[in-house]
N, C-alpha and C. Protein backbone atom coordinates (compact mmCIF):
# COMPACT_ATOMS: atom_id res chain seq x y z
N VAL A 1 -8.84 25.95 -1.73
CA VAL A 1 -9.54 27.09 -0.88
C VAL A 1 -10.61 27.43 -1.85
N ASP A 2 -11.80 27.52 -1.34
CA ASP A 2 -13.14 28.25 -2.29
C ASP A 2 -12.96 29.39 -2.70
N ALA A 3 -12.97 29.01 -4.17
CA ALA A 3 -13.07 30.73 -4.22
C ALA A 3 -13.62 31.36 -4.44
N ARG A 4 -14.77 30.91 -3.67
CA ARG A 4 -16.32 31.89 -3.82
C ARG A 4 -16.09 32.47 -2.51
N THR A 5 -15.37 31.81 -1.08
CA THR A 5 -15.47 32.63 -0.08
C THR A 5 -14.14 32.68 0.28
N GLY A 6 -13.04 32.06 -0.01
CA GLY A 6 -11.50 32.23 0.36
C GLY A 6 -11.70 31.07 1.57
N GLU A 7 -11.85 30.64 2.15
CA GLU A 7 -12.33 29.53 3.87
C GLU A 7 -11.60 28.28 2.59
N THR A 8 -10.10 27.96 3.51
CA THR A 8 -9.22 26.88 3.84
C THR A 8 -10.97 25.48 3.68
N LEU A 9 -10.58 24.91 2.85
CA LEU A 9 -11.25 23.46 2.95
C LEU A 9 -10.37 22.63 3.26
N VAL A 10 -8.95 22.32 2.87
CA VAL A 10 -8.29 20.88 3.00
C VAL A 10 -7.40 21.27 3.90
N HIS A 11 -6.46 20.93 4.94
CA HIS A 11 -5.04 20.99 4.81
C HIS A 11 -4.30 20.13 5.69
N PHE A 12 -3.34 19.73 5.43
CA PHE A 12 -2.41 18.55 6.22
C PHE A 12 -0.96 18.23 5.63
N VAL A 13 -0.75 17.81 5.78
CA VAL A 13 1.39 17.84 6.33
C VAL A 13 1.35 15.39 5.56
N ASP A 14 2.15 16.23 4.86
CA ASP A 14 2.92 14.24 5.02
C ASP A 14 3.80 14.28 4.89
N LYS A 15 4.64 13.01 5.57
CA LYS A 15 5.95 12.62 5.08
C LYS A 15 6.46 11.33 4.89
N THR A 16 7.55 11.70 4.98
CA THR A 16 8.28 10.32 4.22
C THR A 16 9.72 10.21 4.48
N GLU A 17 9.56 9.08 5.20
CA GLU A 17 11.31 9.02 5.71
C GLU A 17 12.23 8.55 4.27
N VAL A 18 13.32 8.94 3.76
CA VAL A 18 14.49 8.04 3.24
C VAL A 18 15.18 7.96 3.63
N SER A 19 15.77 6.41 3.87
CA SER A 19 17.03 6.67 4.53
C SER A 19 18.49 5.91 3.48
N MET A 20 19.48 5.85 3.46
CA MET A 20 20.00 5.43 2.21
C MET A 20 21.34 4.98 3.17
N TYR A 21 22.09 4.23 1.96
CA TYR A 21 23.23 3.76 2.18
C TYR A 21 24.01 4.47 2.75
N PRO A 22 25.64 3.73 3.26
CA PRO A 22 26.53 5.32 2.87
C PRO A 22 27.34 5.54 1.81
N MET A 23 27.10 6.35 1.39
CA MET A 23 28.00 6.69 0.13
C MET A 23 29.58 7.28 0.04
N PRO A 24 30.29 6.57 -0.46
CA PRO A 24 31.63 7.07 -0.54
C PRO A 24 31.34 8.64 -0.81
N ASP A 25 32.89 9.32 -0.78
CA ASP A 25 32.28 10.98 -1.30
C ASP A 25 32.98 11.45 -2.40
N ALA A 26 34.01 10.32 -2.88
CA ALA A 26 33.89 10.51 -4.63
C ALA A 26 32.90 10.20 -5.26
N TRP A 27 31.57 9.62 -4.52
CA TRP A 27 30.37 9.45 -5.66
C TRP A 27 29.46 10.42 -5.49
N ILE A 28 29.72 10.93 -4.25
CA ILE A 28 28.64 11.91 -3.98
C ILE A 28 29.36 13.57 -4.66
N HIS A 29 30.57 13.77 -5.46
CA HIS A 29 31.12 14.39 -5.64
C HIS A 29 31.14 13.93 -7.78
N GLU A 30 30.88 13.07 -7.78
CA GLU A 30 30.63 12.51 -9.15
C GLU A 30 29.60 13.08 -9.25
N TYR A 31 28.44 13.05 -8.16
CA TYR A 31 27.53 12.84 -8.59
C TYR A 31 26.75 14.33 -9.12
N ILE A 32 27.14 15.13 -7.90
CA ILE A 32 26.63 16.75 -7.96
C ILE A 32 27.26 17.07 -9.59
N LYS A 33 28.29 16.47 -9.85
CA LYS A 33 29.03 16.98 -10.92
C LYS A 33 27.87 16.64 -12.05
N THR A 34 27.12 15.92 -11.89
CA THR A 34 25.54 15.80 -13.33
C THR A 34 25.17 16.73 -13.42
N GLY A 35 25.18 17.37 -12.22
CA GLY A 35 24.09 18.41 -12.16
C GLY A 35 22.53 18.15 -12.09
N GLU A 36 22.73 16.67 -12.04
CA GLU A 36 20.97 16.18 -11.57
C GLU A 36 20.36 16.73 -9.43
N PRO A 37 21.72 17.01 -8.84
CA PRO A 37 20.94 17.19 -7.37
C PRO A 37 20.43 18.21 -7.72
N MET A 38 20.87 19.39 -8.67
CA MET A 38 20.78 20.65 -8.35
C MET A 38 19.14 21.64 -7.89
N ASP A 39 18.23 20.85 -8.84
CA ASP A 39 16.91 21.79 -8.42
C ASP A 39 16.11 20.48 -7.67
N LYS A 40 16.71 19.41 -6.67
CA LYS A 40 15.85 18.68 -5.90
C LYS A 40 15.50 19.35 -5.02
N ALA A 41 14.74 19.04 -3.95
CA ALA A 41 14.24 19.84 -2.16
C ALA A 41 15.45 18.96 -1.49
N GLY A 42 15.91 17.51 -1.50
CA GLY A 42 16.26 17.24 -0.85
C GLY A 42 17.84 16.63 -1.24
N GLY A 43 18.42 17.51 -2.23
CA GLY A 43 19.31 16.70 -3.65
C GLY A 43 20.14 16.39 -3.66
N TYR A 44 18.76 15.41 -3.88
CA TYR A 44 19.58 13.85 -4.57
C TYR A 44 17.58 14.08 -5.68
N ALA A 45 17.41 12.84 -6.46
CA ALA A 45 16.67 12.07 -6.41
C ALA A 45 16.78 10.38 -7.58
N ILE A 46 15.86 10.22 -6.19
CA ILE A 46 14.97 9.30 -5.58
C ILE A 46 14.81 8.03 -6.88
N GLN A 47 13.80 8.83 -7.72
CA GLN A 47 14.32 8.46 -9.27
C GLN A 47 15.47 7.90 -10.14
N GLY A 48 16.28 9.07 -10.03
CA GLY A 48 17.46 8.91 -10.57
C GLY A 48 18.34 8.30 -10.15
N GLY A 49 20.29 9.25 -10.61
CA GLY A 49 21.37 8.58 -10.29
C GLY A 49 21.13 8.17 -8.31
N CYS A 50 20.85 8.40 -7.78
CA CYS A 50 20.69 7.88 -6.51
C CYS A 50 19.22 6.62 -5.71
N ALA A 51 19.36 6.26 -6.96
CA ALA A 51 18.24 5.24 -6.76
C ALA A 51 19.37 4.45 -6.08
N LEU A 52 20.92 3.91 -6.92
CA LEU A 52 21.30 3.04 -6.38
C LEU A 52 21.71 2.66 -5.08
N TRP A 53 21.21 3.93 -4.17
CA TRP A 53 21.81 4.32 -2.86
C TRP A 53 20.33 4.48 -1.50
N ILE A 54 19.65 3.78 -2.11
CA ILE A 54 18.32 3.95 -1.76
C ILE A 54 17.55 2.40 -0.44
N ARG A 55 18.16 2.85 1.18
CA ARG A 55 18.15 1.68 1.53
C ARG A 55 16.47 0.82 1.49
N GLY A 56 15.84 2.55 1.64
CA GLY A 56 14.16 2.33 1.98
C GLY A 56 13.34 3.31 2.41
N ILE A 57 12.04 3.42 2.37
CA ILE A 57 11.44 4.26 2.19
C ILE A 57 10.72 3.87 2.69
N ARG A 58 9.74 5.01 4.27
CA ARG A 58 8.75 4.64 5.03
C ARG A 58 7.94 6.04 4.61
N GLY A 59 6.43 5.50 4.27
CA GLY A 59 5.43 6.88 3.17
C GLY A 59 5.34 6.47 1.70
N GLU A 60 5.23 7.00 1.67
CA GLU A 60 4.59 7.70 0.05
C GLU A 60 5.83 7.90 -0.48
N TYR A 61 5.92 7.06 -1.96
CA TYR A 61 7.01 7.33 -2.83
C TYR A 61 6.95 8.84 -3.35
N ALA A 62 5.68 8.81 -3.91
CA ALA A 62 4.78 10.25 -4.23
C ALA A 62 5.75 11.55 -3.71
N THR A 63 5.75 11.46 -2.45
CA THR A 63 5.97 12.70 -1.78
C THR A 63 7.27 12.97 -2.03
N VAL A 64 7.98 11.84 -1.76
CA VAL A 64 9.64 12.68 -2.72
C VAL A 64 9.70 12.84 -3.20
N VAL A 65 8.97 11.51 -4.70
CA VAL A 65 9.18 12.90 -6.45
C VAL A 65 9.00 14.21 -6.00
N GLY A 66 7.49 14.55 -5.58
CA GLY A 66 7.65 16.13 -5.64
C GLY A 66 5.92 15.70 -5.15
N PHE A 67 5.04 15.50 -5.19
CA PHE A 67 3.76 15.38 -4.68
C PHE A 67 2.48 14.41 -4.00
N PRO A 68 2.22 13.91 -3.22
CA PRO A 68 1.79 13.17 -2.75
C PRO A 68 0.09 12.90 -3.14
N ALA A 69 0.00 12.46 -4.69
CA ALA A 69 -1.15 12.37 -5.21
C ALA A 69 -2.19 11.52 -4.57
N ALA A 70 -1.85 11.01 -4.49
CA ALA A 70 -3.24 9.96 -3.40
C ALA A 70 -2.99 9.91 -2.13
N ARG A 71 -2.85 10.92 -1.29
CA ARG A 71 -3.35 11.57 0.29
C ARG A 71 -3.39 12.78 -0.10
N PHE A 72 -3.53 13.30 -1.16
CA PHE A 72 -4.80 14.75 -1.71
C PHE A 72 -5.70 14.28 -1.56
N TYR A 73 -6.04 13.37 -2.82
CA TYR A 73 -7.45 12.98 -3.24
C TYR A 73 -7.85 12.80 -2.18
N GLN A 74 -7.09 11.43 -1.46
CA GLN A 74 -8.04 10.62 -0.05
C GLN A 74 -8.50 11.86 1.24
N GLU A 75 -7.74 12.82 0.98
CA GLU A 75 -7.89 14.31 2.12
C GLU A 75 -9.06 15.04 1.33
N LEU A 76 -9.73 15.12 -0.02
CA LEU A 76 -9.75 16.11 -0.16
C LEU A 76 -11.52 14.42 -0.22
N ARG A 77 -11.15 13.67 -0.52
CA ARG A 77 -12.51 13.05 -0.35
C ARG A 77 -12.91 13.43 0.54
N GLY A 78 -11.74 12.83 2.28
CA GLY A 78 -12.97 13.49 3.38
C GLY A 78 -13.27 14.70 3.61
N ALA A 79 -13.42 15.45 2.97
CA ALA A 79 -14.02 16.56 3.33
C ALA A 79 -15.03 16.65 2.46
N GLY A 80 -15.35 16.08 1.45
CA GLY A 80 -17.04 15.61 0.88
C GLY A 80 -16.38 16.04 -0.52
N ILE A 81 -15.27 16.53 -0.97
CA ILE A 81 -15.21 16.67 -2.33
C ILE A 81 -14.07 15.41 -3.08
N ASP A 82 -14.80 15.29 -3.96
CA ASP A 82 -14.55 14.43 -5.54
C ASP A 82 -13.64 14.40 -6.54
N LEU A 83 -12.74 14.22 -6.61
CA LEU A 83 -12.29 14.91 -7.70
C LEU A 83 -12.76 13.92 -8.96
N MET A 84 -13.01 12.82 -9.29
CA MET A 84 -13.44 11.69 -10.02
C MET A 84 -14.42 13.21 -10.50
N GLU A 85 -15.18 13.06 -9.66
CA GLU A 85 -17.20 13.83 -10.05
C GLU A 85 -16.86 15.07 -11.24
N PHE A 86 -15.33 15.39 -10.57
CA PHE A 86 -14.94 16.70 -11.42
C PHE A 86 -14.94 16.07 -13.46
N CYS A 87 -13.86 15.44 -13.52
CA CYS A 87 -14.21 14.94 -14.26
C CYS A 87 -14.84 13.78 -15.48
N ARG A 88 -15.92 13.97 -14.09
CA ARG A 88 -17.60 13.29 -15.67
C ARG A 88 -17.80 14.64 -15.71
N GLN A 89 -17.75 16.19 -15.18
CA GLN A 89 -18.14 16.69 -16.13
C GLN A 89 -18.20 17.21 -17.21
């Protein structure tokens, strides 16, 4: 959002599909007991205990973890905004 005008400059949606191997119910219950999935949007931590069950990822890993930083940067660049320029100032 342009702070001066309030105009939206860029918006996008990013999608990543994660496939998993089948999990035994006992493992799921033990995983829940660890507390790890309780603050995750998808109910699992791809970078944590659930990593052992990830079959594949179609899309950007960072989107699953929390924020598609590379896609965000590319979208801004496409709109003529280069964050690296701000870093040099």
